[in-house]
């Protein structure tokens, strides 16, 4: 998929790259997609005009931000990962747990806002490749 990949270095730096292999700009550690999986996360647009960006967390660690209608590939080690998103008005959300393995190295998820009376909830759902924008 020639999409933007998001890497999170052990030093805490999070950055996007259009290539599979990069060096962390903060500490110089070489990072690669080799031996890793990718979770593609799509921030669905909102017909009610709630175009706030989301903070993205993988297993409780910050993974940067996701803009309205943006799709990114989160590079993660093989295993089970919990995806959580927040926005400026709420940290309330419905998380998704996704698995990436050597046999299934790519997983997909969609995130959207579910409006509420006093607060909004971000819902993350497992998805299929066909649910992702081109």
N, C-alpha and C. Protein backbone atom coordinates (compact mmCIF):
# COMPACT_ATOMS: atom_id res chain seq x y z
N UNK A 1 0.86 -1.17 0.00
CA UNK A 1 0.00 0.00 0.00
C UNK A 1 0.89 1.21 0.00
N UNK A 2 1.38 1.98 -0.58
CA UNK A 2 2.31 3.07 -0.48
C UNK A 2 1.87 4.19 0.44
N UNK A 3 1.31 3.84 1.58
CA UNK A 3 0.81 4.84 2.52
C UNK A 3 1.89 5.31 3.47
N UNK A 4 1.58 6.38 4.18
CA UNK A 4 2.48 6.89 5.20
C UNK A 4 2.53 5.90 6.35
N UNK A 5 3.74 5.59 6.80
CA UNK A 5 3.94 4.72 7.95
C UNK A 5 4.35 5.58 9.14
N UNK A 6 3.82 5.26 10.31
CA UNK A 6 4.17 5.98 11.52
C UNK A 6 4.99 5.06 12.41
N UNK A 7 6.16 5.54 12.78
CA UNK A 7 7.07 4.80 13.65
C UNK A 7 7.10 5.47 15.02
N UNK A 8 7.22 4.67 16.07
CA UNK A 8 7.42 5.19 17.42
C UNK A 8 8.72 4.59 17.93
N UNK A 9 9.71 5.44 18.12
CA UNK A 9 11.02 4.99 18.60
C UNK A 9 10.98 4.82 20.12
N UNK A 10 11.84 3.97 20.63
CA UNK A 10 11.95 3.76 22.07
C UNK A 10 12.30 5.03 22.83
N UNK A 11 12.90 6.01 22.16
CA UNK A 11 13.26 7.28 22.82
C UNK A 11 12.05 8.19 23.01
N UNK A 12 10.89 7.78 22.46
CA UNK A 12 9.69 8.59 22.60
C UNK A 12 9.35 9.41 21.37
N UNK A 13 10.24 9.47 20.40
CA UNK A 13 9.98 10.22 19.18
C UNK A 13 8.99 9.44 18.30
N UNK A 14 7.99 10.13 17.78
CA UNK A 14 7.01 9.55 16.86
C UNK A 14 7.09 10.34 15.57
N UNK A 15 7.19 9.63 14.45
CA UNK A 15 7.31 10.34 13.17
C UNK A 15 6.78 9.50 12.03
N UNK A 16 6.42 10.19 10.95
CA UNK A 16 5.91 9.55 9.75
C UNK A 16 7.03 9.39 8.74
N UNK A 17 6.91 8.33 7.93
CA UNK A 17 7.87 8.07 6.88
C UNK A 17 7.15 7.45 5.70
N UNK A 18 7.57 7.77 4.50
CA UNK A 18 7.00 7.17 3.31
C UNK A 18 7.76 5.91 2.92
N UNK A 19 8.82 5.58 3.67
CA UNK A 19 9.62 4.40 3.35
C UNK A 19 9.54 3.38 4.48
N UNK A 20 9.96 2.16 4.20
CA UNK A 20 9.91 1.09 5.18
C UNK A 20 11.04 1.14 6.21
N UNK A 21 12.14 1.79 5.90
CA UNK A 21 13.28 1.82 6.81
C UNK A 21 13.74 3.26 7.00
N UNK A 22 13.94 3.65 8.25
CA UNK A 22 14.33 5.02 8.57
C UNK A 22 15.22 5.02 9.80
N UNK A 23 15.85 6.15 10.05
CA UNK A 23 16.56 6.38 11.31
C UNK A 23 15.78 7.43 12.09
N UNK A 24 15.68 7.24 13.39
CA UNK A 24 15.00 8.20 14.23
C UNK A 24 15.75 9.53 14.16
N UNK A 25 15.02 10.61 13.90
CA UNK A 25 15.64 11.92 13.80
C UNK A 25 16.13 12.43 15.16
N UNK A 26 15.58 11.91 16.24
CA UNK A 26 15.95 12.38 17.57
C UNK A 26 17.19 11.66 18.11
N UNK A 27 17.23 10.31 18.00
CA UNK A 27 18.34 9.57 18.61
C UNK A 27 19.19 8.79 17.60
N UNK A 28 18.73 8.73 16.34
CA UNK A 28 19.51 8.05 15.30
C UNK A 28 19.31 6.54 15.22
N UNK A 29 18.48 5.97 16.09
CA UNK A 29 18.24 4.52 16.07
C UNK A 29 17.65 4.11 14.73
N UNK A 30 18.23 3.09 14.08
CA UNK A 30 17.63 2.62 12.84
C UNK A 30 16.33 1.85 13.13
N UNK A 31 15.28 2.20 12.43
CA UNK A 31 13.98 1.55 12.58
C UNK A 31 13.59 0.96 11.24
N UNK A 32 12.96 -0.19 11.28
CA UNK A 32 12.59 -0.87 10.05
C UNK A 32 11.25 -1.54 10.23
N UNK A 33 10.56 -1.79 9.13
CA UNK A 33 9.31 -2.53 9.16
C UNK A 33 9.58 -4.03 9.18
N UNK A 34 10.82 -4.43 8.98
CA UNK A 34 11.17 -5.85 8.97
C UNK A 34 10.91 -6.45 10.35
N UNK A 35 10.20 -7.59 10.39
CA UNK A 35 9.87 -8.22 11.65
C UNK A 35 8.73 -7.53 12.39
N UNK A 36 8.06 -6.61 11.73
CA UNK A 36 6.98 -5.85 12.35
C UNK A 36 5.72 -6.00 11.50
N UNK A 37 4.61 -5.65 12.08
CA UNK A 37 3.35 -5.61 11.35
C UNK A 37 2.90 -4.17 11.22
N UNK A 38 1.81 -3.96 10.51
CA UNK A 38 1.27 -2.62 10.33
C UNK A 38 -0.23 -2.66 10.62
N UNK A 39 -0.67 -1.72 11.44
CA UNK A 39 -2.11 -1.51 11.64
C UNK A 39 -2.47 -0.23 10.92
N UNK A 40 -3.31 -0.35 9.89
CA UNK A 40 -3.77 0.84 9.17
C UNK A 40 -4.99 1.37 9.90
N UNK A 41 -4.90 2.63 10.32
CA UNK A 41 -5.96 3.29 11.07
C UNK A 41 -6.51 4.44 10.24
N UNK A 42 -7.82 4.44 10.04
CA UNK A 42 -8.49 5.47 9.24
C UNK A 42 -9.42 6.26 10.13
N UNK A 43 -9.27 7.57 10.15
CA UNK A 43 -10.15 8.48 10.89
C UNK A 43 -11.28 8.87 9.94
N UNK A 44 -12.44 8.25 10.14
CA UNK A 44 -13.58 8.51 9.28
C UNK A 44 -14.04 9.96 9.43
N UNK A 45 -14.50 10.54 8.33
CA UNK A 45 -15.05 11.89 8.38
C UNK A 45 -16.34 11.90 9.16
N UNK A 46 -16.74 13.07 9.64
CA UNK A 46 -17.94 13.18 10.45
C UNK A 46 -18.93 14.11 9.78
N UNK A 47 -20.15 13.63 9.49
CA UNK A 47 -21.14 14.48 8.83
C UNK A 47 -21.62 15.64 9.69
N UNK A 48 -21.38 15.58 11.00
CA UNK A 48 -21.82 16.66 11.88
C UNK A 48 -20.79 17.77 12.00
N UNK A 49 -19.71 17.68 11.28
CA UNK A 49 -18.70 18.72 11.28
C UNK A 49 -17.71 18.65 12.42
N UNK A 50 -17.68 17.53 13.16
CA UNK A 50 -16.72 17.37 14.26
C UNK A 50 -15.40 16.89 13.67
N UNK A 51 -14.62 17.81 13.18
CA UNK A 51 -13.39 17.45 12.47
C UNK A 51 -12.15 17.52 13.35
N UNK A 52 -12.34 17.35 14.65
CA UNK A 52 -11.19 17.41 15.56
C UNK A 52 -10.25 16.25 15.28
N UNK A 53 -8.97 16.49 15.49
CA UNK A 53 -7.99 15.43 15.36
C UNK A 53 -8.02 14.52 16.57
N UNK A 54 -7.47 13.34 16.42
CA UNK A 54 -7.42 12.37 17.51
C UNK A 54 -5.98 12.16 17.94
N UNK A 55 -5.77 12.00 19.24
CA UNK A 55 -4.51 11.48 19.74
C UNK A 55 -4.58 9.98 19.64
N UNK A 56 -3.52 9.34 19.15
CA UNK A 56 -3.51 7.90 18.94
C UNK A 56 -2.58 7.25 19.96
N UNK A 57 -3.05 6.18 20.60
CA UNK A 57 -2.26 5.42 21.56
C UNK A 57 -2.29 3.95 21.18
N UNK A 58 -1.13 3.33 21.18
CA UNK A 58 -1.01 1.90 20.94
C UNK A 58 -0.46 1.28 22.22
N UNK A 59 -1.23 0.40 22.82
CA UNK A 59 -0.84 -0.23 24.08
C UNK A 59 -0.49 0.81 25.15
N UNK A 60 -1.22 1.92 25.14
CA UNK A 60 -1.03 2.97 26.14
C UNK A 60 0.09 3.95 25.84
N UNK A 61 0.84 3.74 24.76
CA UNK A 61 1.94 4.63 24.41
C UNK A 61 1.51 5.57 23.29
N UNK A 62 1.86 6.86 23.39
CA UNK A 62 1.46 7.82 22.36
C UNK A 62 2.07 7.48 21.00
N UNK A 63 1.23 7.62 19.97
CA UNK A 63 1.65 7.33 18.61
C UNK A 63 1.31 8.49 17.69
N UNK A 64 1.27 9.71 18.24
CA UNK A 64 1.03 10.89 17.41
C UNK A 64 -0.45 11.20 17.27
N UNK A 65 -0.77 11.98 16.24
CA UNK A 65 -2.13 12.45 16.01
C UNK A 65 -2.64 11.95 14.66
N UNK A 66 -3.96 11.93 14.56
CA UNK A 66 -4.64 11.50 13.35
C UNK A 66 -5.65 12.56 12.98
N UNK A 67 -5.49 13.17 11.80
CA UNK A 67 -6.38 14.23 11.35
C UNK A 67 -7.68 13.66 10.79
N UNK A 68 -8.67 14.50 10.65
CA UNK A 68 -9.95 14.10 10.06
C UNK A 68 -9.72 13.52 8.66
N UNK A 69 -10.28 12.38 8.39
CA UNK A 69 -10.19 11.63 7.13
C UNK A 69 -8.76 11.19 6.77
N UNK A 70 -7.88 11.15 7.72
CA UNK A 70 -6.50 10.71 7.47
C UNK A 70 -6.40 9.20 7.70
N UNK A 71 -5.52 8.55 6.94
CA UNK A 71 -5.20 7.14 7.12
C UNK A 71 -3.70 7.03 7.31
N UNK A 72 -3.29 6.29 8.34
CA UNK A 72 -1.87 6.08 8.60
C UNK A 72 -1.63 4.61 8.89
N UNK A 73 -0.40 4.18 8.68
CA UNK A 73 0.01 2.83 9.03
C UNK A 73 0.87 2.87 10.28
N UNK A 74 0.41 2.25 11.35
CA UNK A 74 1.14 2.21 12.62
C UNK A 74 2.02 0.97 12.62
N UNK A 75 3.33 1.16 12.63
CA UNK A 75 4.28 0.04 12.60
C UNK A 75 4.44 -0.47 14.02
N UNK A 76 4.09 -1.75 14.21
CA UNK A 76 4.10 -2.37 15.55
C UNK A 76 4.73 -3.75 15.49
N UNK A 77 5.28 -4.24 16.61
CA UNK A 77 5.81 -5.61 16.62
C UNK A 77 4.66 -6.61 16.50
N UNK A 78 4.97 -7.81 16.04
CA UNK A 78 3.95 -8.85 15.97
C UNK A 78 3.37 -9.08 17.35
N UNK A 79 2.07 -9.31 17.40
CA UNK A 79 1.39 -9.56 18.66
C UNK A 79 0.03 -8.91 18.67
N UNK A 80 -0.54 -8.83 19.86
CA UNK A 80 -1.86 -8.24 20.08
C UNK A 80 -1.67 -6.81 20.56
N UNK A 81 -2.41 -5.87 19.97
CA UNK A 81 -2.25 -4.45 20.31
C UNK A 81 -3.60 -3.79 20.50
N UNK A 82 -3.69 -2.97 21.55
CA UNK A 82 -4.90 -2.21 21.82
C UNK A 82 -4.72 -0.79 21.29
N UNK A 83 -5.67 -0.35 20.47
CA UNK A 83 -5.65 0.99 19.89
C UNK A 83 -6.67 1.84 20.63
N UNK A 84 -6.24 3.01 21.08
CA UNK A 84 -7.11 3.95 21.79
C UNK A 84 -6.90 5.33 21.18
N UNK A 85 -7.99 6.08 21.04
CA UNK A 85 -7.89 7.45 20.53
C UNK A 85 -8.57 8.40 21.50
N UNK A 86 -8.08 9.64 21.53
CA UNK A 86 -8.65 10.69 22.36
C UNK A 86 -8.84 11.93 21.50
N UNK A 87 -9.60 12.87 22.02
CA UNK A 87 -9.66 14.20 21.39
C UNK A 87 -9.73 15.23 22.49
N UNK A 88 -9.63 16.48 22.14
CA UNK A 88 -9.50 17.55 23.13
C UNK A 88 -10.60 17.60 24.17
N UNK A 89 -11.80 17.13 23.82
CA UNK A 89 -12.93 17.23 24.75
C UNK A 89 -13.11 15.98 25.61
N UNK A 90 -12.48 14.86 25.22
CA UNK A 90 -12.73 13.63 25.95
C UNK A 90 -11.63 12.59 25.73
N UNK A 91 -11.39 11.79 26.73
CA UNK A 91 -10.52 10.62 26.59
C UNK A 91 -11.37 9.35 26.56
N UNK A 92 -12.69 9.53 26.58
CA UNK A 92 -13.61 8.42 26.58
C UNK A 92 -13.60 7.75 25.21
N UNK A 93 -13.55 6.42 25.21
CA UNK A 93 -13.52 5.75 23.93
C UNK A 93 -13.81 4.27 24.02
N UNK A 94 -14.10 3.69 22.88
CA UNK A 94 -14.26 2.26 22.74
C UNK A 94 -13.04 1.78 21.96
N UNK A 95 -12.16 1.06 22.63
CA UNK A 95 -10.90 0.63 22.03
C UNK A 95 -11.09 -0.61 21.16
N UNK A 96 -10.10 -0.87 20.34
CA UNK A 96 -10.07 -2.09 19.54
C UNK A 96 -8.76 -2.81 19.82
N UNK A 97 -8.82 -4.13 19.89
CA UNK A 97 -7.62 -4.94 20.03
C UNK A 97 -7.42 -5.70 18.73
N UNK A 98 -6.26 -5.51 18.13
CA UNK A 98 -5.95 -6.11 16.83
C UNK A 98 -4.70 -6.96 16.94
N UNK A 99 -4.64 -7.99 16.13
CA UNK A 99 -3.49 -8.89 16.11
C UNK A 99 -2.75 -8.76 14.79
N UNK A 100 -1.43 -8.70 14.87
CA UNK A 100 -0.58 -8.79 13.68
C UNK A 100 0.41 -9.92 13.92
N UNK A 101 0.55 -10.77 12.94
CA UNK A 101 1.42 -11.94 13.05
C UNK A 101 2.22 -12.09 11.76
N UNK A 102 3.23 -12.93 11.75
CA UNK A 102 3.95 -13.16 10.49
C UNK A 102 3.03 -13.66 9.37
N UNK A 103 1.99 -14.42 9.72
CA UNK A 103 1.05 -14.91 8.71
C UNK A 103 0.01 -13.87 8.32
N UNK A 104 -0.27 -12.92 9.19
CA UNK A 104 -1.23 -11.85 8.92
C UNK A 104 -0.62 -10.55 9.43
N UNK A 105 0.37 -10.00 8.68
CA UNK A 105 1.13 -8.84 9.17
C UNK A 105 0.43 -7.49 9.07
N UNK A 106 -0.79 -7.48 8.54
CA UNK A 106 -1.51 -6.21 8.37
C UNK A 106 -2.90 -6.34 8.99
N UNK A 107 -3.29 -5.32 9.75
CA UNK A 107 -4.63 -5.25 10.33
C UNK A 107 -5.20 -3.87 10.01
N UNK A 108 -6.51 -3.75 10.07
CA UNK A 108 -7.18 -2.50 9.70
C UNK A 108 -8.17 -2.10 10.79
N UNK A 109 -8.28 -0.78 11.01
CA UNK A 109 -9.24 -0.26 11.98
C UNK A 109 -9.76 1.09 11.50
N UNK A 110 -11.00 1.39 11.88
CA UNK A 110 -11.62 2.68 11.58
C UNK A 110 -11.95 3.35 12.91
N UNK A 111 -11.77 4.66 12.97
CA UNK A 111 -12.10 5.43 14.17
C UNK A 111 -13.10 6.52 13.79
N UNK A 112 -14.10 6.72 14.65
CA UNK A 112 -15.07 7.79 14.41
C UNK A 112 -15.63 8.27 15.74
N UNK A 113 -16.27 9.43 15.71
CA UNK A 113 -16.88 10.00 16.91
C UNK A 113 -18.34 9.59 16.96
N UNK A 114 -18.74 9.13 18.14
CA UNK A 114 -20.16 8.84 18.42
C UNK A 114 -20.64 9.97 19.32
N UNK A 115 -21.47 10.88 18.79
CA UNK A 115 -21.92 12.02 19.60
C UNK A 115 -22.71 11.58 20.82
N UNK A 116 -22.52 12.29 21.91
CA UNK A 116 -23.25 12.03 23.14
C UNK A 116 -23.91 13.29 23.66
N UNK A 117 -24.68 13.15 24.71
CA UNK A 117 -25.39 14.30 25.28
C UNK A 117 -24.41 15.27 25.92
N UNK A 118 -23.52 14.77 26.79
CA UNK A 118 -22.57 15.64 27.48
C UNK A 118 -21.15 15.51 26.96
N UNK A 119 -20.84 14.40 26.35
CA UNK A 119 -19.50 14.19 25.83
C UNK A 119 -19.59 13.24 24.64
N UNK A 120 -18.59 13.27 23.82
CA UNK A 120 -18.53 12.40 22.65
C UNK A 120 -17.60 11.23 22.94
N UNK A 121 -17.87 10.11 22.30
CA UNK A 121 -17.07 8.92 22.47
C UNK A 121 -16.39 8.59 21.14
N UNK A 122 -15.11 8.27 21.19
CA UNK A 122 -14.42 7.81 19.99
C UNK A 122 -14.52 6.30 19.94
N UNK A 123 -15.03 5.80 18.85
CA UNK A 123 -15.20 4.36 18.67
C UNK A 123 -14.19 3.88 17.64
N UNK A 124 -13.47 2.82 17.99
CA UNK A 124 -12.52 2.21 17.05
C UNK A 124 -13.04 0.80 16.77
N UNK A 125 -13.14 0.49 15.49
CA UNK A 125 -13.66 -0.81 15.07
C UNK A 125 -12.66 -1.49 14.16
N UNK A 126 -12.55 -2.81 14.30
CA UNK A 126 -11.75 -3.56 13.35
C UNK A 126 -12.40 -3.43 11.99
N UNK A 127 -11.59 -3.38 10.94
CA UNK A 127 -12.10 -3.17 9.59
C UNK A 127 -11.43 -4.13 8.63
N UNK A 128 -11.79 -4.01 7.37
CA UNK A 128 -11.20 -4.80 6.29
C UNK A 128 -10.47 -3.85 5.34
N UNK A 129 -9.61 -4.38 4.52
CA UNK A 129 -8.88 -3.55 3.56
C UNK A 129 -9.84 -2.77 2.67
N UNK A 130 -10.98 -3.38 2.33
CA UNK A 130 -11.96 -2.72 1.48
C UNK A 130 -12.63 -1.52 2.15
N UNK A 131 -12.52 -1.40 3.48
CA UNK A 131 -13.09 -0.26 4.22
C UNK A 131 -12.17 0.96 4.20
N UNK A 132 -10.94 0.78 3.76
CA UNK A 132 -9.96 1.86 3.78
C UNK A 132 -10.06 2.71 2.51
N UNK A 133 -9.83 4.00 2.63
CA UNK A 133 -9.80 4.84 1.42
C UNK A 133 -8.55 4.53 0.60
N UNK A 134 -8.63 4.83 -0.68
CA UNK A 134 -7.48 4.57 -1.58
C UNK A 134 -6.30 5.43 -1.25
